Every structure is written in C-alpha cells, then in structure tokens.
Amino acid sequence: DEALKKAKIEAAMLKAQIRKLEKLEAPDNGQQAELARLRQQLHEAETSLVAPQSTAATAPAKPAGDEALKKAKIELAMKRAELKKAEKAGAEEPELSRLRDALNAAEQALHAAEDASHKPAPDLVRINKAGVDEQQRALKTEVAFARADLRKLERDGNATATALDAARARLSEAQGKLAEYRTP
C-alpha cells in the first residue's frame, strides 16, 4: 500500500513537471528532450501503477477505454490551446505547422479512443470558427457606439432634431460600412 502511494506521488510530480515544460513558448532541444524523457518516465510510472491497483479491488474499476478516451480529449484540448496561443503570439510558420500536425494527431488519437471505448460516438458538429479581424471589430465597435449615442439622444428630452438626424446618419453610415465589409 505504501509503495502504491509513493508511485502515485511520483506520477503526479512527473505530470506537474511535464505541464510546466509544455507551457514554455519556444522550448529548445534540451527542454524537448527533457519533456520526452519525463513523458517516458510517466508512462512507466503509470504502467507500474496499473498492476498493483488491479489486484487491490477496493473501488469499482472504470473501463480502460474510458480513461483512454478522457486522456485523448484532454490532449486534444491542450493541443488546440497550444496552437491558438502560438497563433496569437505570431509564431513562425514551421512552429505553427508542427502544432497543426500535433493537433491532427491528437484528433486521430481521440477518434481511435472513441472507437476503442465502444461508446456511441457523440453527435458533434465541429466547425472552424475564424476570429473577427481588426477591421471588422472596429466597424462593429463603431456601429455599437453610434447606436448607443442615438439611443442616448432619443432618451434626452432636450436633444435637437439636428443632433438626432446626425446620430441617425452616423448609425446608418456605420451599418452600411459594416454590411459592405461583410459582403465579399
């Protein structure tokens, strides 16, 4: 029981070290080698944990497929986050390409884990949402401000007709620019 506890602690420490190294933005070759070594040690530690745990049937065991599926989902989410972080930071194309390949591999691993778990596949519709570019964001912001200014003037009992007309014209112009930008 004590050996099992020590093995669990060691596995948790290895996971923490791996997470710390994965958070580095641009790991050098030494750090990548260290990461690979830690992952190998973690794999060995986890396999050594499986044997003692299977003999000690104190809690109902989950099917192994569920655990693999859960890990695959987590790995996919982490790879997706890594890619987004790199894109946001303006990483070079070779780095982005490597991250995209890792994301594709994680997606394939998830599909394999879903197949192995014998659970019905979730009915997901995965879409690639493109972010809003700066120009569209600026146009949307202008529409929002123009609308807010118009509503403020409409609530103000002392607003002149000229000011209201100018605010309506500003809103109309901003909406027109946004519509024009959205039409290819």
Protein backbone atom coordinates (compact mmCIF):
# COMPACT_ATOMS: atom_id res chain seq x y z
CA ASP A 1 0.00 0.00 0.00
CA GLU A 2 2.89 2.37 0.84
CA ALA A 3 4.63 1.57 -2.47
CA LEU A 4 1.41 2.32 -4.32
CA LYS A 5 1.13 5.67 -2.57
CA LYS A 6 4.76 6.55 -3.47
CA ALA A 7 4.17 5.56 -7.09
CA LYS A 8 1.08 7.77 -7.27
CA ILE A 9 3.02 10.71 -5.83
CA GLU A 10 5.84 10.16 -8.31
CA ALA A 11 3.37 10.06 -11.20
CA ALA A 12 1.72 13.27 -10.01
CA MET A 13 5.10 15.01 -9.74
CA LEU A 14 6.04 13.89 -13.24
CA LYS A 15 2.75 15.22 -14.58
CA ALA A 16 3.41 18.57 -12.94
CA GLN A 17 6.91 18.74 -14.46
CA ILE A 18 5.51 17.85 -17.88
CA ARG A 19 2.82 20.53 -17.63
CA LYS A 20 5.46 23.09 -16.66
CA LEU A 21 7.62 22.22 -19.67
CA GLU A 22 4.63 22.19 -22.03
CA LYS A 23 3.80 25.76 -21.02
CA LEU A 24 7.11 27.04 -22.42
CA GLU A 25 6.50 29.06 -25.56
CA ALA A 26 9.61 28.05 -27.50
CA PRO A 27 11.33 25.07 -25.86
CA ASP A 28 14.89 24.41 -27.01
CA ASN A 29 16.17 20.95 -27.94
CA GLY A 30 17.30 20.20 -24.39
CA GLN A 31 13.89 21.07 -22.98
CA GLN A 32 12.17 18.98 -25.64
CA ALA A 33 14.44 16.04 -24.82
CA GLU A 34 13.67 16.51 -21.12
CA LEU A 35 9.96 16.57 -21.94
CA ALA A 36 10.23 13.33 -23.92
CA ARG A 37 12.20 11.70 -21.06
CA LEU A 38 9.61 12.81 -18.50
CA ARG A 39 6.77 11.51 -20.64
CA GLN A 40 8.52 8.14 -20.90
CA GLN A 41 9.01 8.07 -17.11
CA LEU A 42 5.37 8.99 -16.61
CA HIS A 43 4.28 6.20 -18.93
CA GLU A 44 6.43 3.72 -16.99
CA ALA A 45 5.11 5.02 -13.67
CA GLU A 46 1.51 4.75 -14.83
CA THR A 47 2.01 1.20 -16.10
CA SER A 48 3.61 0.23 -12.78
CA LEU A 49 0.57 1.70 -11.02
CA VAL A 50 -1.88 -0.36 -13.06
CA ALA A 51 -0.69 -3.76 -11.79
CA PRO A 52 -0.99 -3.06 -8.03
CA GLN A 53 -4.28 -1.24 -8.49
CA SER A 54 -5.85 -4.12 -10.39
CA THR A 55 -5.11 -6.52 -7.53
CA ALA A 56 -6.45 -4.13 -4.91
CA ALA A 57 -10.07 -4.05 -5.97
CA THR A 58 -11.20 -1.60 -3.33
CA ALA A 59 -13.19 0.59 -5.71
CA PRO A 60 -15.16 -0.37 -8.79
CA ALA A 61 -12.81 -0.07 -11.74
CA LYS A 62 -13.69 2.08 -14.71
CA PRO A 63 -13.25 0.53 -18.11
CA ALA A 64 -9.80 1.24 -19.54
CA GLY A 65 -11.36 2.68 -22.67
CA ASP A 66 -12.99 5.43 -20.64
CA GLU A 67 -9.65 6.54 -19.22
CA ALA A 68 -8.01 6.49 -22.65
CA LEU A 69 -10.91 8.45 -24.07
CA LYS A 70 -10.67 11.02 -21.30
CA LYS A 71 -6.91 11.41 -21.82
CA ALA A 72 -7.39 11.77 -25.57
CA LYS A 73 -9.98 14.51 -25.04
CA ILE A 74 -7.67 16.36 -22.66
CA GLU A 75 -4.73 16.00 -25.03
CA LEU A 76 -6.81 17.37 -27.91
CA ALA A 77 -7.89 20.36 -25.85
CA MET A 78 -4.29 21.05 -24.83
CA LYS A 79 -3.03 20.84 -28.42
CA ARG A 80 -5.82 23.14 -29.59
CA ALA A 81 -4.91 25.66 -26.87
CA GLU A 82 -1.19 25.45 -27.76
CA LEU A 83 -1.97 26.21 -31.40
CA LYS A 84 -4.21 29.15 -30.51
CA LYS A 85 -1.56 30.54 -28.17
CA ALA A 86 1.12 30.27 -30.86
CA GLU A 87 -1.12 31.88 -33.49
CA LYS A 88 -1.92 34.72 -31.13
CA ALA A 89 1.77 35.20 -30.33
CA GLY A 90 2.59 35.38 -34.05
CA ALA A 91 4.74 32.24 -34.17
CA GLU A 92 6.68 31.33 -37.31
CA GLU A 93 5.12 29.02 -39.89
CA PRO A 94 7.35 25.97 -39.12
CA GLU A 95 6.25 26.12 -35.47
CA LEU A 96 2.59 26.56 -36.46
CA SER A 97 2.88 23.67 -38.89
CA ARG A 98 4.32 21.44 -36.15
CA LEU A 99 1.48 22.43 -33.81
CA ARG A 100 -1.14 21.80 -36.51
CA ASP A 101 0.34 18.35 -37.11
CA ALA A 102 0.22 17.66 -33.36
CA LEU A 103 -3.41 18.81 -33.28
CA ASN A 104 -4.29 16.50 -36.18
CA ALA A 105 -2.52 13.62 -34.42
CA ALA A 106 -4.48 14.36 -31.23
CA GLU A 107 -7.73 14.36 -33.22
CA GLN A 108 -6.83 10.99 -34.73
CA ALA A 109 -5.95 9.64 -31.27
CA LEU A 110 -9.32 10.84 -29.98
CA HIS A 111 -11.14 9.10 -32.83
CA ALA A 112 -9.18 5.90 -32.14
CA ALA A 113 -10.00 6.14 -28.42
CA GLU A 114 -13.68 6.72 -29.25
CA ASP A 115 -13.66 3.61 -31.44
CA ALA A 116 -11.87 1.55 -28.77
CA SER A 117 -14.24 2.63 -26.00
CA HIS A 118 -17.23 1.07 -27.78
CA LYS A 119 -19.34 4.03 -26.73
CA PRO A 120 -21.65 5.57 -29.28
CA ALA A 121 -19.89 8.47 -30.92
CA PRO A 122 -21.14 11.87 -29.85
CA ASP A 123 -23.20 13.71 -32.41
CA LEU A 124 -20.86 16.66 -32.75
CA VAL A 125 -20.65 19.19 -35.49
CA ARG A 126 -17.15 20.55 -35.44
CA ILE A 127 -16.73 23.87 -37.14
CA ASN A 128 -13.70 26.00 -37.58
CA LYS A 129 -14.61 29.40 -36.21
CA ALA A 130 -12.49 32.12 -37.68
CA GLY A 131 -11.86 35.03 -35.38
CA VAL A 132 -13.04 38.53 -36.11
CA ASP A 133 -10.31 40.57 -37.80
CA GLU A 134 -9.34 44.02 -36.59
CA GLN A 135 -11.17 45.95 -39.31
CA GLN A 136 -14.45 44.12 -38.70
CA ARG A 137 -14.03 44.60 -34.95
CA ALA A 138 -13.53 48.35 -35.49
CA LEU A 139 -16.62 48.55 -37.73
CA LYS A 140 -18.74 46.64 -35.20
CA THR A 141 -17.50 48.92 -32.44
CA GLU A 142 -18.41 51.99 -34.45
CA VAL A 143 -21.94 50.62 -35.04
CA ALA A 144 -22.33 49.93 -31.32
CA PHE A 145 -21.17 53.41 -30.32
CA ALA A 146 -23.35 55.09 -32.95
CA ARG A 147 -26.37 53.09 -31.76
CA ALA A 148 -25.64 53.97 -28.12
CA ASP A 149 -25.27 57.67 -28.93
CA LEU A 150 -28.55 57.67 -30.86
CA ARG A 151 -30.41 55.95 -28.01
CA LYS A 152 -28.94 58.41 -25.53
CA LEU A 153 -30.14 61.33 -27.63
CA GLU A 154 -33.59 59.75 -28.04
CA ARG A 155 -33.94 59.50 -24.25
CA ASP A 156 -32.77 63.08 -23.80
CA GLY A 157 -35.77 65.40 -23.89
CA ASN A 158 -33.57 68.42 -24.77
CA ALA A 159 -31.97 66.84 -27.86
CA THR A 160 -32.37 68.85 -31.04
CA ALA A 161 -33.74 67.43 -34.25
CA THR A 162 -30.43 68.21 -35.94
CA ALA A 163 -28.49 66.19 -33.36
CA LEU A 164 -30.91 63.26 -33.73
CA ASP A 165 -30.64 63.38 -37.52
CA ALA A 166 -26.84 63.48 -37.30
CA ALA A 167 -26.82 60.48 -34.92
CA ARG A 168 -29.16 58.52 -37.21
CA ALA A 169 -26.97 59.35 -40.21
CA ARG A 170 -23.86 58.21 -38.29
CA LEU A 171 -25.54 54.91 -37.36
CA SER A 172 -26.78 54.36 -40.89
CA GLU A 173 -23.33 55.07 -42.33
CA ALA A 174 -21.63 52.74 -39.82
CA GLN A 175 -24.11 49.94 -40.55
CA GLY A 176 -23.59 50.46 -44.28
CA LYS A 177 -19.80 50.21 -43.95
CA LEU A 178 -20.12 47.03 -41.88
CA ALA A 179 -22.54 45.46 -44.38
CA GLU A 180 -20.25 46.46 -47.25
CA TYR A 181 -17.25 44.90 -45.49
CA ARG A 182 -19.10 41.64 -44.83
CA THR A 183 -20.17 41.22 -48.48
CA PRO A 184 -17.33 39.64 -50.44
